[in-house]
Amino acid sequence: QVQLVESGGGLVQAGDSLRLSCAVSGGPFSRYAMGWFRQVPGREREFVATISWTGSSIFVEHSVKDRFTISRDNAKNTVYLQMNSLKPEDTAVYYCAGGLDYGLGYKTDKSDYDYWGQGTQVTVSS
């Protein structure tokens, strides 16, 4: 059974940085494309960033691409989201997701992913 466990969330001030981690177990992590999404109450879960199984193909949502970086360590079965210069509007529950990478392009939709973590809360105060 594939499990994804996020960590690294918390309460920070505007301008601070956080690094989220997502540890994957129970499946062939090195074959998965991985993604990060976020959600605030009353709104749809939205795409943040995705990375291919090799790590060579990355796409970050345009509104955060200058501040957020996605990376992975296949030896550790972990994907990361480095978030810099955080803003109050970044406040959300952040979810990692995984899905087999068939090399068909960026996975930016929720339906592209088969496995999800439980989420980690990020709160940015002004």
Foldseek 3Di string as FASTA:
>chain_A
DKAKAKDWADEEAAQAKIKIKIAIDDDQLLQKKKFKWWDDPPDDIFGAKIAGSVRPDIDGDPVQVVFWDWGDDSVRRMIMIIGGRDDQVVWTWMKMFIDGCPPPDDDGDPVRGDDIHPTDTHGYHD
